[in-house]
PDB file of N, CA and C in Angstrom:
ATOM      1  N   MET A   1     189.452 -64.677 266.740  1.00  0.00           N
ATOM      2  CA  MET A   1     189.102 -66.065 266.878  1.00  0.00           C
ATOM      3  C   MET A   1     189.433 -66.780 265.564  1.00  0.00           C
ATOM      4  N   LYS A   2     189.943 -67.977 265.687  1.00  0.00           N
ATOM      5  CA  LYS A   2     190.335 -68.740 264.518  1.00  0.00           C
ATOM      6  C   LYS A   2     189.138 -69.485 263.945  1.00  0.00           C
ATOM      7  N   LYS A   3     189.261 -69.833 262.673  1.00  0.00           N
ATOM      8  CA  LYS A   3     188.194 -70.530 261.940  1.00  0.00           C
ATOM      9  C   LYS A   3     187.812 -71.833 262.634  1.00  0.00           C
ATOM     10  N   GLU A   4     188.794 -72.571 263.097  1.00  0.00           N
ATOM     11  CA  GLU A   4     188.537 -73.848 263.757  1.00  0.00           C
ATOM     12  C   GLU A   4     187.711 -73.659 265.028  1.00  0.00           C
ATOM     13  N   GLN A   5     187.988 -72.558 265.726  1.00  0.00           N
ATOM     14  CA  GLN A   5     187.234 -72.282 266.956  1.00  0.00           C
ATOM     15  C   GLN A   5     185.776 -71.950 266.631  1.00  0.00           C
ATOM     16  N   ILE A   6     185.553 -71.223 265.558  1.00  0.00           N
ATOM     17  CA  ILE A   6     184.186 -70.877 265.153  1.00  0.00           C
ATOM     18  C   ILE A   6     183.448 -72.134 264.713  1.00  0.00           C
ATOM     19  N   ASP A   7     184.134 -73.009 263.974  1.00  0.00           N
ATOM     20  CA  ASP A   7     183.521 -74.267 263.543  1.00  0.00           C
ATOM     21  C   ASP A   7     183.076 -75.123 264.728  1.00  0.00           C
ATOM     22  N   ALA A   8     183.787 -75.006 265.832  1.00  0.00           N
ATOM     23  CA  ALA A   8     183.501 -75.834 267.004  1.00  0.00           C
ATOM     24  C   ALA A   8     182.407 -75.249 267.899  1.00  0.00           C
ATOM     25  N   LEU A   9     181.915 -74.053 267.605  1.00  0.00           N
ATOM     26  CA  LEU A   9     180.887 -73.428 268.455  1.00  0.00           C
ATOM     27  C   LEU A   9     179.557 -74.164 268.333  1.00  0.00           C
ATOM     28  N   SER A  10     178.849 -74.222 269.436  1.00  0.00           N
ATOM     29  CA  SER A  10     177.503 -74.826 269.421  1.00  0.00           C
ATOM     30  C   SER A  10     176.511 -73.809 268.864  1.00  0.00           C
ATOM     31  N   PHE A  11     175.251 -74.249 268.627  1.00  0.00           N
ATOM     32  CA  PHE A  11     174.243 -73.336 268.095  1.00  0.00           C
ATOM     33  C   PHE A  11     173.988 -72.174 269.052  1.00  0.00           C
ATOM     34  N   GLU A  12     173.980 -72.449 270.355  1.00  0.00           N
ATOM     35  CA  GLU A  12     173.774 -71.376 271.341  1.00  0.00           C
ATOM     36  C   GLU A  12     174.928 -70.378 271.325  1.00  0.00           C
ATOM     37  N   GLU A  13     176.150 -70.917 271.234  1.00  0.00           N
ATOM     38  CA  GLU A  13     177.326 -70.041 271.186  1.00  0.00           C
ATOM     39  C   GLU A  13     177.333 -69.217 269.902  1.00  0.00           C
ATOM     40  N   LEU A  14     176.892 -69.817 268.803  1.00  0.00           N
ATOM     41  CA  LEU A  14     176.812 -69.083 267.540  1.00  0.00           C
ATOM     42  C   LEU A  14     175.767 -67.979 267.612  1.00  0.00           C
ATOM     43  N   ALA A  15     174.668 -68.266 268.279  1.00  0.00           N
ATOM     44  CA  ALA A  15     173.610 -67.260 268.418  1.00  0.00           C
ATOM     45  C   ALA A  15     174.095 -66.077 269.248  1.00  0.00           C
ATOM     46  N   ASP A  16     174.956 -66.327 270.229  1.00  0.00           N
ATOM     47  CA  ASP A  16     175.481 -65.261 271.086  1.00  0.00           C
ATOM     48  C   ASP A  16     176.765 -64.637 270.530  1.00  0.00           C
ATOM     49  N   PHE A  17     177.235 -65.191 269.427  1.00  0.00           N
ATOM     50  CA  PHE A  17     178.511 -64.733 268.859  1.00  0.00           C
ATOM     51  C   PHE A  17     178.380 -63.282 268.398  1.00  0.00           C
ATOM     52  N   PRO A  18     179.359 -62.429 268.763  1.00  0.00           N
ATOM     53  CA  PRO A  18     179.311 -61.014 268.368  1.00  0.00           C
ATOM     54  C   PRO A  18     179.677 -60.853 266.879  1.00  0.00           C
ATOM     55  N   LEU A  19     178.706 -61.131 266.023  1.00  0.00           N
ATOM     56  CA  LEU A  19     178.946 -61.145 264.590  1.00  0.00           C
ATOM     57  C   LEU A  19     179.355 -59.785 264.051  1.00  0.00           C
ATOM     58  N   ASP A  20     178.730 -58.706 264.559  1.00  0.00           N
ATOM     59  CA  ASP A  20     179.085 -57.365 264.072  1.00  0.00           C
ATOM     60  C   ASP A  20     180.564 -57.049 264.328  1.00  0.00           C
ATOM     61  N   GLY A  21     181.024 -57.351 265.511  1.00  0.00           N
ATOM     62  CA  GLY A  21     182.430 -57.100 265.842  1.00  0.00           C
ATOM     63  C   GLY A  21     183.360 -57.974 265.020  1.00  0.00           C
ATOM     64  N   PHE A  22     182.940 -59.232 264.807  1.00  0.00           N
ATOM     65  CA  PHE A  22     183.750 -60.152 264.016  1.00  0.00           C
ATOM     66  C   PHE A  22     183.871 -59.655 262.581  1.00  0.00           C
ATOM     67  N   VAL A  23     182.748 -59.273 261.979  1.00  0.00           N
ATOM     68  CA  VAL A  23     182.748 -58.787 260.596  1.00  0.00           C
ATOM     69  C   VAL A  23     183.558 -57.501 260.489  1.00  0.00           C
ATOM     70  N   LYS A  24     183.381 -56.614 261.468  1.00  0.00           N
ATOM     71  CA  LYS A  24     184.134 -55.352 261.449  1.00  0.00           C
ATOM     72  C   LYS A  24     185.638 -55.632 261.512  1.00  0.00           C
ATOM     73  N   HIS A  25     186.018 -56.536 262.407  1.00  0.00           N
ATOM     74  CA  HIS A  25     187.433 -56.894 262.537  1.00  0.00           C
ATOM     75  C   HIS A  25     187.943 -57.545 261.240  1.00  0.00           C
ATOM     76  N   TYR A  26     187.123 -58.427 260.650  1.00  0.00           N
ATOM     77  CA  TYR A  26     187.481 -59.090 259.401  1.00  0.00           C
ATOM     78  C   TYR A  26     187.664 -58.063 258.287  1.00  0.00           C
ATOM     79  N   GLU A  27     186.743 -57.121 258.166  1.00  0.00           N
ATOM     80  CA  GLU A  27     186.822 -56.083 257.132  1.00  0.00           C
ATOM     81  C   GLU A  27     188.061 -55.215 257.318  1.00  0.00           C
ATOM     82  N   GLN A  28     188.371 -54.895 258.569  1.00  0.00           N
ATOM     83  CA  GLN A  28     189.571 -54.099 258.841  1.00  0.00           C
ATOM     84  C   GLN A  28     190.825 -54.854 258.405  1.00  0.00           C
ATOM     85  N   GLY A  29     190.861 -56.134 258.696  1.00  0.00           N
ATOM     86  CA  GLY A  29     192.012 -56.946 258.304  1.00  0.00           C
ATOM     87  C   GLY A  29     192.157 -57.033 256.796  1.00  0.00           C
ATOM     88  N   VAL A  30     191.022 -57.248 256.109  1.00  0.00           N
ATOM     89  CA  VAL A  30     191.060 -57.334 254.646  1.00  0.00           C
ATOM     90  C   VAL A  30     191.463 -55.988 254.058  1.00  0.00           C
ATOM     91  N   THR A  31     190.928 -54.903 254.600  1.00  0.00           N
ATOM     92  CA  THR A  31     191.267 -53.561 254.118  1.00  0.00           C
ATOM     93  C   THR A  31     192.761 -53.285 254.303  1.00  0.00           C
ATOM     94  N   LYS A  32     193.263 -53.656 255.456  1.00  0.00           N
ATOM     95  CA  LYS A  32     194.696 -53.461 255.723  1.00  0.00           C
ATOM     96  C   LYS A  32     195.544 -54.291 254.762  1.00  0.00           C
ATOM     97  N   LEU A  33     195.122 -55.522 254.521  1.00  0.00           N
ATOM     98  CA  LEU A  33     195.847 -56.399 253.608  1.00  0.00           C
ATOM     99  C   LEU A  33     195.834 -55.834 252.185  1.00  0.00           C
ATOM    100  N   ILE A  34     194.682 -55.380 251.737  1.00  0.00           N
ATOM    101  CA  ILE A  34     194.561 -54.798 250.399  1.00  0.00           C
ATOM    102  C   ILE A  34     195.391 -53.528 250.285  1.00  0.00           C
ATOM    103  N   SER A  35     195.358 -52.707 251.306  1.00  0.00           N
ATOM    104  CA  SER A  35     196.161 -51.478 251.303  1.00  0.00           C
ATOM    105  C   SER A  35     197.649 -51.801 251.183  1.00  0.00           C
ATOM    106  N   GLY A  36     198.063 -52.839 251.885  1.00  0.00           N
ATOM    107  CA  GLY A  36     199.466 -53.255 251.802  1.00  0.00           C
ATOM    108  C   GLY A  36     199.831 -53.711 250.403  1.00  0.00           C
ATOM    109  N   PHE A  37     198.948 -54.489 249.788  1.00  0.00           N
ATOM    110  CA  PHE A  37     199.204 -54.939 248.415  1.00  0.00           C
ATOM    111  C   PHE A  37     199.227 -53.760 247.455  1.00  0.00           C
ATOM    112  N   GLN A  38     198.315 -52.807 247.629  1.00  0.00           N
ATOM    113  CA  GLN A  38     198.279 -51.630 246.764  1.00  0.00           C
ATOM    114  C   GLN A  38     199.558 -50.809 246.913  1.00  0.00           C
ATOM    115  N   ALA A  39     200.015 -50.668 248.156  1.00  0.00           N
ATOM    116  CA  ALA A  39     201.255 -49.915 248.390  1.00  0.00           C
ATOM    117  C   ALA A  39     202.440 -50.618 247.725  1.00  0.00           C
ATOM    118  N   GLN A  40     202.478 -51.938 247.835  1.00  0.00           N
ATOM    119  CA  GLN A  40     203.550 -52.695 247.188  1.00  0.00           C
ATOM    120  C   GLN A  40     203.481 -52.551 245.667  1.00  0.00           C
ATOM    121  N   ALA A  41     202.264 -52.595 245.124  1.00  0.00           N
ATOM    122  CA  ALA A  41     202.098 -52.460 243.677  1.00  0.00           C
ATOM    123  C   ALA A  41     202.543 -51.079 243.210  1.00  0.00           C
ATOM    124  N   GLU A  42     202.180 -50.045 243.945  1.00  0.00           N
ATOM    125  CA  GLU A  42     202.587 -48.677 243.587  1.00  0.00           C
ATOM    126  C   GLU A  42     204.106 -48.531 243.663  1.00  0.00           C
ATOM    127  N   ALA A  43     204.697 -49.100 244.700  1.00  0.00           N
ATOM    128  CA  ALA A  43     206.159 -49.033 244.829  1.00  0.00           C
ATOM    129  C   ALA A  43     206.836 -49.770 243.672  1.00  0.00           C
ATOM    130  N   ALA A  44     206.282 -50.916 243.294  1.00  0.00           N
ATOM    131  CA  ALA A  44     206.848 -51.670 242.174  1.00  0.00           C
ATOM    132  C   ALA A  44     206.696 -50.889 240.866  1.00  0.00           C
ATOM    133  N   LYS A  45     205.559 -50.228 240.678  1.00  0.00           N
ATOM    134  CA  LYS A  45     205.357 -49.414 239.476  1.00  0.00           C
ATOM    135  C   LYS A  45     206.346 -48.258 239.433  1.00  0.00           C
ATOM    136  N   ARG A  46     206.538 -47.603 240.578  1.00  0.00           N
ATOM    137  CA  ARG A  46     207.498 -46.500 240.657  1.00  0.00           C
ATOM    138  C   ARG A  46     208.897 -46.980 240.319  1.00  0.00           C
ATOM    139  N   GLN A  47     209.266 -48.106 240.899  1.00  0.00           N
ATOM    140  CA  GLN A  47     210.599 -48.647 240.650  1.00  0.00           C
ATOM    141  C   GLN A  47     210.746 -49.033 239.176  1.00  0.00           C
ATOM    142  N   ALA A  48     209.702 -49.594 238.582  1.00  0.00           N
ATOM    143  CA  ALA A  48     209.754 -49.961 237.165  1.00  0.00           C
ATOM    144  C   ALA A  48     209.916 -48.718 236.293  1.00  0.00           C
ATOM    145  N   ARG A  49     209.175 -47.647 236.616  1.00  0.00           N
ATOM    146  CA  ARG A  49     209.313 -46.400 235.847  1.00  0.00           C
ATOM    147  C   ARG A  49     210.718 -45.838 235.974  1.00  0.00           C
ATOM    148  N   GLU A  50     211.256 -45.837 237.194  1.00  0.00           N
ATOM    149  CA  GLU A  50     212.612 -45.323 237.404  1.00  0.00           C
ATOM    150  C   GLU A  50     213.639 -46.164 236.640  1.00  0.00           C
ATOM    151  N   THR A  51     213.463 -47.469 236.661  1.00  0.00           N
ATOM    152  CA  THR A  51     214.371 -48.360 235.950  1.00  0.00           C
ATOM    153  C   THR A  51     214.277 -48.142 234.444  1.00  0.00           C
ATOM    154  N   GLU A  52     213.060 -47.966 233.939  1.00  0.00           N
ATOM    155  CA  GLU A  52     212.876 -47.694 232.510  1.00  0.00           C
ATOM    156  C   GLU A  52     213.531 -46.367 232.130  1.00  0.00           C
ATOM    157  N   ASP A  53     213.385 -45.359 232.990  1.00  0.00           N
ATOM    158  CA  ASP A  53     214.020 -44.061 232.721  1.00  0.00           C
ATOM    159  C   ASP A  53     215.542 -44.208 232.682  1.00  0.00           C
ATOM    160  N   LYS A  54     216.097 -44.948 233.642  1.00  0.00           N
ATOM    161  CA  LYS A  54     217.546 -45.160 233.673  1.00  0.00           C
ATOM    162  C   LYS A  54     218.000 -45.940 232.438  1.00  0.00           C
ATOM    163  N   LEU A  55     217.199 -46.909 232.024  1.00  0.00           N
ATOM    164  CA  LEU A  55     217.537 -47.677 230.830  1.00  0.00           C
ATOM    165  C   LEU A  55     217.557 -46.773 229.600  1.00  0.00           C
ATOM    166  N   ARG A  56     216.552 -45.903 229.467  1.00  0.00           N
ATOM    167  CA  ARG A  56     216.526 -44.981 228.334  1.00  0.00           C
ATOM    168  C   ARG A  56     217.742 -44.060 228.353  1.00  0.00           C
ATOM    169  N   GLU A  57     218.093 -43.546 229.540  1.00  0.00           N
ATOM    170  CA  GLU A  57     219.266 -42.681 229.658  1.00  0.00           C
ATOM    171  C   GLU A  57     220.537 -43.434 229.258  1.00  0.00           C
ATOM    172  N   THR A  58     220.651 -44.671 229.713  1.00  0.00           N
ATOM    173  CA  THR A  58     221.829 -45.483 229.390  1.00  0.00           C
ATOM    174  C   THR A  58     221.889 -45.771 227.902  1.00  0.00           C
ATOM    175  N   GLU A  59     220.738 -46.074 227.300  1.00  0.00           N
ATOM    176  CA  GLU A  59     220.707 -46.321 225.855  1.00  0.00           C
ATOM    177  C   GLU A  59     221.094 -45.059 225.085  1.00  0.00           C
ATOM    178  N   ASP A  60     220.632 -43.892 225.556  1.00  0.00           N
ATOM    179  CA  ASP A  60     221.010 -42.626 224.914  1.00  0.00           C
ATOM    180  C   ASP A  60     222.514 -42.395 225.006  1.00  0.00           C
ATOM    181  N   LYS A  61     223.070 -42.649 226.192  1.00  0.00           N
ATOM    182  CA  LYS A  61     224.517 -42.479 226.369  1.00  0.00           C
ATOM    183  C   LYS A  61     225.286 -43.462 225.496  1.00  0.00           C
ATOM    184  N   LEU A  62     224.775 -44.679 225.376  1.00  0.00           N
ATOM    185  CA  LEU A  62     225.428 -45.668 224.523  1.00  0.00           C
ATOM    186  C   LEU A  62     225.422 -45.204 223.077  1.00  0.00           C
ATOM    187  N   ARG A  63     224.283 -44.702 222.601  1.00  0.00           N
ATOM    188  CA  ARG A  63     224.220 -44.197 221.218  1.00  0.00           C
ATOM    189  C   ARG A  63     225.191 -43.033 221.017  1.00  0.00           C
ATOM    190  N   GLU A  64     225.255 -42.126 221.982  1.00  0.00           N
ATOM    191  CA  GLU A  64     226.186 -40.998 221.888  1.00  0.00           C
ATOM    192  C   GLU A  64     227.630 -41.498 221.832  1.00  0.00           C
ATOM    193  N   THR A  65     227.950 -42.456 222.680  1.00  0.00           N
ATOM    194  CA  THR A  65     229.304 -43.005 222.719  1.00  0.00           C
ATOM    195  C   THR A  65     229.639 -43.722 221.417  1.00  0.00           C
ATOM    196  N   GLU A  66     228.685 -44.484 220.899  1.00  0.00           N
ATOM    197  CA  GLU A  66     228.914 -45.165 219.614  1.00  0.00           C
ATOM    198  C   GLU A  66     229.112 -44.151 218.488  1.00  0.00           C
ATOM    199  N   ASP A  67     228.337 -43.068 218.513  1.00  0.00           N
ATOM    200  CA  ASP A  67     228.506 -42.012 217.504  1.00  0.00           C
ATOM    201  C   ASP A  67     229.894 -41.386 217.598  1.00  0.00           C
ATOM    202  N   LYS A  68     230.336 -41.117 218.820  1.00  0.00           N
ATOM    203  CA  LYS A  68     231.671 -40.542 219.010  1.00  0.00           C
ATOM    204  C   LYS A  68     232.747 -41.504 218.518  1.00  0.00           C
ATOM    205  N   LEU A  69     232.571 -42.791 218.811  1.00  0.00           N
ATOM    206  CA  LEU A  69     233.543 -43.789 218.367  1.00  0.00           C
ATOM    207  C   LEU A  69     233.596 -43.832 216.842  1.00  0.00           C
ATOM    208  N   ARG A  70     232.434 -43.803 216.196  1.00  0.00           N
ATOM    209  CA  ARG A  70     232.412 -43.812 214.726  1.00  0.00           C
ATOM    210  C   ARG A  70     233.109 -42.575 214.165  1.00  0.00           C
ATOM    211  N   MET A  71     232.860 -41.426 214.767  1.00  0.00           N
ATOM    212  CA  MET A  71     233.494 -40.187 214.298  1.00  0.00           C
ATOM    213  C   MET A  71     235.012 -40.260 214.481  1.00  0.00           C
ATOM    214  N   LEU A  72     235.443 -40.754 215.647  1.00  0.00           N
ATOM    215  CA  LEU A  72     236.884 -40.882 215.897  1.00  0.00           C
ATOM    216  C   LEU A  72     237.529 -41.856 214.922  1.00  0.00           C
ATOM    217  N   ARG A  73     236.872 -42.986 214.683  1.00  0.00           N
ATOM    218  CA  ARG A  73     237.418 -43.966 213.744  1.00  0.00           C
ATOM    219  C   ARG A  73     237.509 -43.370 212.339  1.00  0.00           C
ATOM    220  N   SER A  74     236.487 -42.592 211.977  1.00  0.00           N
ATOM    221  CA  SER A  74     236.500 -41.960 210.658  1.00  0.00           C
ATOM    222  C   SER A  74     237.676 -40.988 210.552  1.00  0.00           C
ATOM    223  N   SER A  75     237.880 -40.196 211.605  1.00  0.00           N
ATOM    224  CA  SER A  75     238.984 -39.229 211.603  1.00  0.00           C
ATOM    225  C   SER A  75     240.335 -39.933 211.584  1.00  0.00           C
ATOM    226  N   VAL A  76     240.476 -40.974 212.380  1.00  0.00           N
ATOM    227  CA  VAL A  76     241.734 -41.718 212.418  1.00  0.00           C
ATOM    228  C   VAL A  76     241.977 -42.380 211.066  1.00  0.00           C
ATOM    229  N   GLY A  77     240.908 -42.911 210.470  1.00  0.00           N
ATOM    230  CA  GLY A  77     241.043 -43.515 209.140  1.00  0.00           C
ATOM    231  C   GLY A  77     241.524 -42.503 208.119  1.00  0.00           C
ATOM    232  N   GLN A  78     240.968 -41.291 208.159  1.00  0.00           N
ATOM    233  CA  GLN A  78     241.415 -40.227 207.245  1.00  0.00           C
ATOM    234  C   GLN A  78     242.876 -39.895 207.496  1.00  0.00           C
ATOM    235  N   LEU A  79     243.253 -39.808 208.756  1.00  0.00           N
ATOM    236  CA  LEU A  79     244.646 -39.511 209.105  1.00  0.00           C
ATOM    237  C   LEU A  79     245.576 -40.600 208.587  1.00  0.00           C
ATOM    238  N   LEU A  80     245.203 -41.854 208.797  1.00  0.00           N
ATOM    239  CA  LEU A  80     246.054 -42.958 208.337  1.00  0.00           C
ATOM    240  C   LEU A  80     246.152 -42.982 206.812  1.00  0.00           C
ATOM    241  N   ARG A  81     245.067 -42.693 206.114  1.00  0.00           N
ATOM    242  CA  ARG A  81     245.104 -42.655 204.652  1.00  0.00           C
ATOM    243  C   ARG A  81     245.956 -41.491 204.152  1.00  0.00           C
ATOM    244  N   SER A  82     245.918 -40.366 204.894  1.00  0.00           N
ATOM    245  CA  SER A  82     246.735 -39.221 204.466  1.00  0.00           C
ATOM    246  C   SER A  82     248.226 -39.492 204.701  1.00  0.00           C
ATOM    247  N   MET A  83     248.553 -40.334 205.687  1.00  0.00           N
ATOM    248  CA  MET A  83     249.943 -40.668 205.977  1.00  0.00           C
ATOM    249  C   MET A  83     250.483 -41.728 205.020  1.00  0.00           C
ATOM    250  N   ASN A  84     249.584 -42.560 204.505  1.00  0.00           N
ATOM    251  CA  ASN A  84     250.019 -43.679 203.680  1.00  0.00           C
ATOM    252  C   ASN A  84     249.030 -43.851 202.532  1.00  0.00           C
ATOM    253  N   LYS A  85     249.501 -43.595 201.325  1.00  0.00           N
ATOM    254  CA  LYS A  85     248.636 -43.697 200.139  1.00  0.00           C
ATOM    255  C   LYS A  85     248.147 -45.131 199.913  1.00  0.00           C
ATOM    256  N   ASP A  86     248.917 -46.120 200.377  1.00  0.00           N
ATOM    257  CA  ASP A  86     248.550 -47.526 200.197  1.00  0.00           C
ATOM    258  C   ASP A  86     247.753 -48.064 201.386  1.00  0.00           C
ATOM    259  N   CYS A  87     247.137 -47.185 202.121  1.00  0.00           N
ATOM    260  CA  CYS A  87     246.371 -47.581 203.312  1.00  0.00           C
ATOM    261  C   CYS A  87     245.226 -48.515 202.903  1.00  0.00           C
ATOM    262  N   PRO A  88     245.118 -49.664 203.572  1.00  0.00           N
ATOM    263  CA  PRO A  88     244.099 -50.643 203.186  1.00  0.00           C
ATOM    264  C   PRO A  88     242.682 -50.284 203.639  1.00  0.00           C
ATOM    265  N   LEU A  89     242.528 -49.201 204.360  1.00  0.00           N
ATOM    266  CA  LEU A  89     241.197 -48.825 204.846  1.00  0.00           C
ATOM    267  C   LEU A  89     240.375 -48.197 203.731  1.00  0.00           C
ATOM    268  N   ALA A  90     239.134 -48.620 203.641  1.00  0.00           N
ATOM    269  CA  ALA A  90     238.219 -48.026 202.668  1.00  0.00           C
ATOM    270  C   ALA A  90     237.812 -46.643 203.157  1.00  0.00           C
ATOM    271  N   LEU A  91     237.488 -45.794 202.224  1.00  0.00           N
ATOM    272  CA  LEU A  91     237.036 -44.452 202.569  1.00  0.00           C
ATOM    273  C   LEU A  91     235.768 -44.563 203.418  1.00  0.00           C
ATOM    274  N   GLY A  92     235.763 -43.912 204.549  1.00  0.00           N
ATOM    275  CA  GLY A  92     234.602 -43.938 205.440  1.00  0.00           C
ATOM    276  C   GLY A  92     234.532 -45.152 206.344  1.00  0.00           C
ATOM    277  N   ASP A  93     235.572 -45.989 206.341  1.00  0.00           N
ATOM    278  CA  ASP A  93     235.575 -47.172 207.207  1.00  0.00           C
ATOM    279  C   ASP A  93     235.540 -46.730 208.666  1.00  0.00           C
ATOM    280  N   GLN A  94     234.535 -47.215 209.392  1.00  0.00           N
ATOM    281  CA  GLN A  94     234.396 -46.871 210.809  1.00  0.00           C
ATOM    282  C   GLN A  94     234.369 -48.132 211.668  1.00  0.00           C
ATOM    283  N   SER A  95     234.889 -49.203 211.117  1.00  0.00           N
ATOM    284  CA  SER A  95     234.861 -50.484 211.823  1.00  0.00           C
ATOM    285  C   SER A  95     236.090 -50.626 212.725  1.00  0.00           C
ATOM    286  N   SER A  96     236.177 -51.773 213.352  1.00  0.00           N
ATOM    287  CA  SER A  96     237.331 -52.047 214.213  1.00  0.00           C
ATOM    288  C   SER A  96     238.607 -52.227 213.388  1.00  0.00           C
ATOM    289  N   ASN A  97     238.480 -52.288 212.056  1.00  0.00           N
ATOM    290  CA  ASN A  97     239.675 -52.342 211.200  1.00  0.00           C
ATOM    291  C   ASN A  97     240.548 -51.115 211.430  1.00  0.00           C
ATOM    292  N   VAL A  98     239.908 -49.974 211.679  1.00  0.00           N
ATOM    293  CA  VAL A  98     240.650 -48.735 211.943  1.00  0.00           C
ATOM    294  C   VAL A  98     241.487 -48.912 213.205  1.00  0.00           C
ATOM    295  N   ASP A  99     240.877 -49.488 214.251  1.00  0.00           N
ATOM    296  CA  ASP A  99     241.603 -49.715 215.506  1.00  0.00           C
ATOM    297  C   ASP A  99     242.804 -50.630 215.280  1.00  0.00           C
ATOM    298  N   ASP A 100     242.553 -51.708 214.527  1.00  0.00           N
ATOM    299  CA  ASP A 100     243.617 -52.686 214.283  1.00  0.00           C
ATOM    300  C   ASP A 100     244.779 -52.056 213.512  1.00  0.00           C
ATOM    301  N   LEU A 101     244.445 -51.289 212.475  1.00  0.00           N
ATOM    302  CA  LEU A 101     245.499 -50.657 211.677  1.00  0.00           C
ATOM    303  C   LEU A 101     246.258 -49.607 212.491  1.00  0.00           C
ATOM    304  N   LEU A 102     245.547 -48.837 213.272  1.00  0.00           N
ATOM    305  CA  LEU A 102     246.197 -47.834 214.120  1.00  0.00           C
ATOM    306  C   LEU A 102     247.160 -48.518 215.091  1.00  0.00           C
ATOM    307  N   GLN A 103     246.726 -49.602 215.667  1.00  0.00           N
ATOM    308  CA  GLN A 103     247.589 -50.326 216.599  1.00  0.00           C
ATOM    309  C   GLN A 103     248.825 -50.866 215.868  1.00  0.00           C
ATOM    310  N   ALA A 104     248.622 -51.391 214.680  1.00  0.00           N
ATOM    311  CA  ALA A 104     249.759 -51.903 213.902  1.00  0.00           C
ATOM    312  C   ALA A 104     250.739 -50.784 213.570  1.00  0.00           C
ATOM    313  N   VAL A 105     250.221 -49.625 213.190  1.00  0.00           N
ATOM    314  CA  VAL A 105     251.084 -48.485 212.860  1.00  0.00           C
ATOM    315  C   VAL A 105     251.853 -48.041 214.094  1.00  0.00           C
ATOM    316  N   LEU A 106     251.197 -47.995 215.223  1.00  0.00           N
ATOM    317  CA  LEU A 106     251.868 -47.564 216.459  1.00  0.00           C
ATOM    318  C   LEU A 106     252.979 -48.523 216.860  1.00  0.00           C
ATOM    319  N   PHE A 107     252.760 -49.826 216.668  1.00  0.00           N
ATOM    320  CA  PHE A 107     253.788 -50.791 217.038  1.00  0.00           C
ATOM    321  C   PHE A 107     254.946 -50.792 216.047  1.00  0.00           C
ATOM    322  N   GLN A 108     254.738 -50.348 214.822  1.00  0.00           N
ATOM    323  CA  GLN A 108     255.802 -50.276 213.825  1.00  0.00           C
ATOM    324  C   GLN A 108     256.626 -49.013 213.980  1.00  0.00           C
ATOM    325  N   THR A 109     256.017 -47.981 214.558  1.00  0.00           N
ATOM    326  CA  THR A 109     256.688 -46.695 214.681  1.00  0.00           C
ATOM    327  C   THR A 109     257.634 -46.726 215.884  1.00  0.00           C
ATOM    328  N   PRO A 110     258.888 -46.316 215.695  1.00  0.00           N
ATOM    329  CA  PRO A 110     259.833 -46.260 216.822  1.00  0.00           C
ATOM    330  C   PRO A 110     259.300 -45.325 217.917  1.00  0.00           C
ATOM    331  N   THR A 111     259.650 -45.613 219.128  1.00  0.00           N
ATOM    332  CA  THR A 111     259.168 -44.837 220.274  1.00  0.00           C
ATOM    333  C   THR A 111     259.532 -43.371 220.152  1.00  0.00           C
ATOM    334  N   ALA A 112     260.689 -43.062 219.661  1.00  0.00           N
ATOM    335  CA  ALA A 112     261.135 -41.684 219.563  1.00  0.00           C
ATOM    336  C   ALA A 112     260.235 -40.868 218.636  1.00  0.00           C
ATOM    337  N   LYS A 113     259.705 -41.503 217.606  1.00  0.00           N
ATOM    338  CA  LYS A 113     258.869 -40.800 216.670  1.00  0.00           C
ATOM    339  C   LYS A 113     257.453 -40.562 217.207  1.00  0.00           C
ATOM    340  N   ARG A 114     257.026 -41.309 218.185  1.00  0.00           N
ATOM    341  CA  ARG A 114     255.666 -41.190 218.718  1.00  0.00           C
ATOM    342  C   ARG A 114     255.483 -39.940 219.555  1.00  0.00           C
ATOM    343  N   LYS A 115     256.536 -39.386 220.051  1.00  0.00           N
ATOM    344  CA  LYS A 115     256.428 -38.217 220.951  1.00  0.00           C
ATOM    345  C   LYS A 115     255.999 -36.998 220.248  1.00  0.00           C
TER     346      LYS A 115
END
């Protein structure tokens, strides 16, 4: 029964109204609604934990990849300095300068020598 219908009941109808059944039905509805909200909250918490775990894994992989890039740049920088005494790279340079210089060296080197 809707609220408007209950508001429209007379005193006699209210006295005969099955209040126990109404309250029981109301409590069941509220319990079901709360259970649904709790289930949604638990699902959201689970999803948040999974997302946080994936983020941590991605951040770890990013750090590993950045470490590998720094090591490669350091090695390439050493190689370029060993090939050219006048190499403009500072000792231990791991910046994108290494990439730029390597690219410049590759474009200056004839194709036959690259093989």
